[in-house]
Every structure is written in C-alpha cells, then in structure tokens.
Amino acid sequence: MAIDEFDRRILAALQGDATLSIAEIAERAGLSPTPCWRRIQKLERAGIIRKRVALLDRKQLNAGVTVFIAVRTSQHTLAWLEKFQKAVADIPEIVDVYRMSGEIDYLLRALVTDIAAYDAVYKKLISRVDLTDVSSMFAMEEIKSTTEIPLDYALASE
C-alpha cells in the first residue's frame, strides 16, 4: 500500500497518542474527520496499523530492570528453532527476541524486578532448550526507548 503525506501525518499522530479522537487526528493530518477515519480503517485493513495499545510504566509495575541476553547455540535445525521459539514465547519476562548475524545467534530483552528474578528467567530458559552460551547484560540507564517507527522511509517507497 502506498503511503502519502496525509497517511504519514495520521500514523505520526497515532504513534504519539492512540487515544486521540478522530477530530484531533484529522486536524493534525489536515483532513476532515470522515476521510481521516476511512484512511485509518484502510491502514488497519492493510496491516500497517497492527493494533492500538497502552504503554505501561514498567517501573511502577515493579519490572524496572532491563536485561539483554545474548544466546549462542551450536544447533541450527528447524526442530531446535521451534523449541526455542516456544520456550521464549512461554516466558512473559522476555519481551523481545531477535535472530542476529555475527557472533551472537539470538538477542533477547527481558524485564524483571531484580537479579533474583532474572535468575529465575535464566533457569526457565535453560531448562527448556539447549544453549551453548548465555551472556547477560543489565542496563544501567535507559537513554532512549521508543515504540515510534520513523515514517520518512514510508514516503520514500513511492
């Protein structure tokens, strides 16, 4: 689906605050409400807008420690990958999983209360799937974290 400047403004508004009214989004996009609503529905049908969520404050919910977990495996089979995917999917503290190029096979991000909580996550993970090496890094400070996707590239595809 081609994205134009109106769509980009709609997406920017929704990324910043998904609770905005259609009238507020339309004003920011430079449209009237009805065409704006149609565009939002079209973006949803196309899967560009996957869902609308509330971003929670993890510190207030006692999950303020961020741990990056670098995983290496010596097994590169489909069966192992499926077992690994199920293992990480079943551990709610693991919020992001990436397959990497280079020295590390997978990079995980977990949110926990403290080191003891991370140790429990670690033990769950290693009990469910064979891993060659696991290395953990605790974030000392979060300098930037956003869920907003840069939208300038969307226009470049036209």
Protein backbone atom coordinates (compact mmCIF):
# COMPACT_ATOMS: atom_id res chain seq x y z
CA MET A 1 0.00 0.00 0.00
CA ALA A 2 1.36 3.41 -0.94
CA ILE A 3 1.57 5.91 1.91
CA ASP A 4 1.04 9.59 1.21
CA GLU A 5 1.67 12.65 3.38
CA PHE A 6 -1.84 12.51 4.89
CA ASP A 7 -1.32 8.87 5.93
CA ARG A 8 2.10 9.74 7.36
CA ARG A 9 0.55 12.50 9.50
CA ILE A 10 -2.20 10.15 10.68
CA LEU A 11 0.36 7.50 11.61
CA ALA A 12 2.55 10.05 13.39
CA ALA A 13 -0.43 11.25 15.43
CA LEU A 14 -1.48 7.71 16.36
CA GLN A 15 2.07 6.66 17.28
CA GLY A 16 2.30 9.62 19.61
CA ASP A 17 -1.09 9.07 21.23
CA ALA A 18 -3.53 6.36 20.13
CA THR A 19 -6.23 7.85 22.39
CA LEU A 20 -6.64 10.96 20.23
CA SER A 21 -10.13 11.50 18.88
CA ILE A 22 -10.75 11.23 15.15
CA ALA A 23 -11.31 15.00 15.11
CA GLU A 24 -7.88 15.61 16.68
CA ILE A 25 -6.15 13.20 14.30
CA ALA A 26 -7.96 14.74 11.33
CA GLU A 27 -6.86 18.22 12.38
CA ARG A 28 -3.22 17.12 12.68
CA ALA A 29 -3.42 15.39 9.29
CA GLY A 30 -5.10 18.31 7.55
CA LEU A 31 -8.26 16.35 6.75
CA SER A 32 -11.89 16.37 7.78
CA PRO A 33 -12.94 13.59 10.20
CA THR A 34 -14.75 11.26 7.76
CA PRO A 35 -11.92 10.90 5.21
CA CYS A 36 -9.47 10.62 8.11
CA TRP A 37 -11.48 7.75 9.63
CA ARG A 38 -11.62 5.99 6.23
CA ARG A 39 -7.85 6.28 5.91
CA ILE A 40 -7.34 4.85 9.42
CA GLN A 41 -9.58 1.90 8.57
CA LYS A 42 -7.67 1.38 5.30
CA LEU A 43 -4.34 1.45 7.18
CA GLU A 44 -5.73 -1.12 9.64
CA ARG A 45 -7.01 -3.41 6.87
CA ALA A 46 -3.60 -3.21 5.17
CA GLY A 47 -1.92 -4.26 8.43
CA ILE A 48 0.10 -1.06 8.67
CA ILE A 49 -1.70 -0.29 11.93
CA ARG A 50 -1.42 -3.66 13.67
CA LYS A 51 -3.11 -2.72 16.93
CA ARG A 52 -3.58 0.10 19.40
CA VAL A 53 -2.13 -0.44 22.86
CA ALA A 54 -1.48 1.29 26.16
CA LEU A 55 2.17 1.76 27.09
CA LEU A 56 2.63 0.94 30.75
CA ASP A 57 5.24 2.28 33.16
CA ARG A 58 7.30 -0.81 33.92
CA LYS A 59 8.98 0.78 36.96
CA GLN A 60 5.62 1.41 38.63
CA LEU A 61 4.73 -2.21 37.86
CA ASN A 62 7.93 -3.45 39.53
CA ALA A 63 9.59 -4.59 36.28
CA GLY A 64 12.15 -1.80 36.05
CA VAL A 65 15.29 -3.86 35.41
CA THR A 66 16.13 -4.40 31.74
CA VAL A 67 18.33 -7.37 30.86
CA PHE A 68 19.78 -8.07 27.44
CA ILE A 69 20.50 -11.77 26.98
CA ALA A 70 22.91 -12.87 24.27
CA VAL A 71 22.39 -16.51 23.29
CA ARG A 72 24.59 -18.77 21.23
CA THR A 73 23.67 -22.25 20.09
CA SER A 74 25.52 -24.99 18.29
CA GLN A 75 22.25 -26.37 16.94
CA HIS A 76 20.86 -24.80 13.80
CA THR A 77 17.96 -27.09 12.97
CA LEU A 78 14.32 -26.30 12.42
CA ALA A 79 13.36 -28.56 15.33
CA TRP A 80 15.69 -26.65 17.69
CA LEU A 81 14.41 -23.29 16.43
CA GLU A 82 10.78 -24.31 17.02
CA LYS A 83 11.64 -25.48 20.55
CA PHE A 84 13.50 -22.19 21.22
CA GLN A 85 10.60 -20.10 19.87
CA LYS A 86 8.15 -21.93 22.13
CA ALA A 87 10.47 -21.58 25.14
CA VAL A 88 10.84 -17.80 24.80
CA ALA A 89 7.15 -17.33 23.95
CA ASP A 90 6.21 -19.05 27.23
CA ILE A 91 8.39 -16.76 29.40
CA PRO A 92 6.49 -13.46 29.82
CA GLU A 93 9.51 -11.58 31.16
CA ILE A 94 11.17 -11.97 27.75
CA VAL A 95 9.63 -9.15 25.73
CA ASP A 96 11.84 -9.07 22.60
CA VAL A 97 13.71 -11.77 20.69
CA TYR A 98 15.90 -11.20 17.63
CA ARG A 99 17.84 -13.65 15.46
CA MET A 100 21.20 -12.00 14.84
CA SER A 101 24.09 -12.13 12.42
CA GLY A 102 27.63 -12.31 13.77
CA GLU A 103 28.93 -13.84 17.00
CA ILE A 104 25.57 -13.97 18.79
CA ASP A 105 22.75 -16.13 17.45
CA TYR A 106 19.88 -14.52 19.37
CA LEU A 107 19.47 -11.35 21.41
CA LEU A 108 16.67 -11.25 23.96
CA ARG A 109 15.38 -8.41 26.09
CA ALA A 110 13.76 -9.20 29.42
CA LEU A 111 12.07 -7.02 32.03
CA VAL A 112 12.44 -8.16 35.63
CA THR A 113 12.33 -6.87 39.21
CA ASP A 114 15.88 -7.69 40.22
CA ILE A 115 18.78 -10.11 39.73
CA ALA A 116 16.95 -12.89 41.55
CA ALA A 117 14.00 -12.54 39.18
CA TYR A 118 16.40 -12.66 36.23
CA ASP A 119 17.99 -15.81 37.64
CA ALA A 120 14.54 -17.44 37.63
CA VAL A 121 14.08 -16.42 33.98
CA TYR A 122 17.53 -17.80 33.14
CA LYS A 123 16.74 -21.12 34.81
CA LYS A 124 13.41 -21.38 32.96
CA LEU A 125 15.13 -20.71 29.65
CA ILE A 126 17.98 -23.21 30.08
CA SER A 127 15.58 -25.88 31.35
CA ARG A 128 13.51 -25.66 28.17
CA VAL A 129 16.13 -25.54 25.41
CA ASP A 130 19.79 -26.49 24.96
CA LEU A 131 22.05 -23.43 24.62
CA THR A 132 25.80 -23.27 24.02
CA ASP A 133 26.38 -19.91 25.72
CA VAL A 134 24.25 -17.36 27.54
CA SER A 135 25.59 -13.93 28.43
CA SER A 136 23.55 -11.34 30.30
CA MET A 137 23.94 -7.58 30.35
CA PHE A 138 21.98 -5.38 32.74
CA ALA A 139 21.06 -1.91 31.51
CA MET A 140 22.38 0.74 33.87
CA GLU A 141 20.36 3.57 32.33
CA GLU A 142 17.77 3.85 29.59
CA ILE A 143 18.77 6.79 27.43
CA LYS A 144 16.26 6.34 24.62
CA SER A 145 13.41 3.93 24.14
CA THR A 146 10.50 4.48 21.79
CA THR A 147 7.82 2.49 20.05
CA GLU A 148 7.54 5.09 17.27
CA ILE A 149 8.68 3.94 13.84
CA PRO A 150 10.41 6.54 11.65
CA LEU A 151 7.91 7.44 8.94
CA ASP A 152 10.12 9.30 6.47
CA TYR A 153 11.02 5.98 4.80
CA ALA A 154 7.35 5.21 4.11
CA LEU A 155 7.16 8.13 1.68
CA ALA A 156 10.44 7.16 0.01
CA SER A 157 8.90 3.94 -1.35
CA GLU A 158 6.61 5.82 -3.72
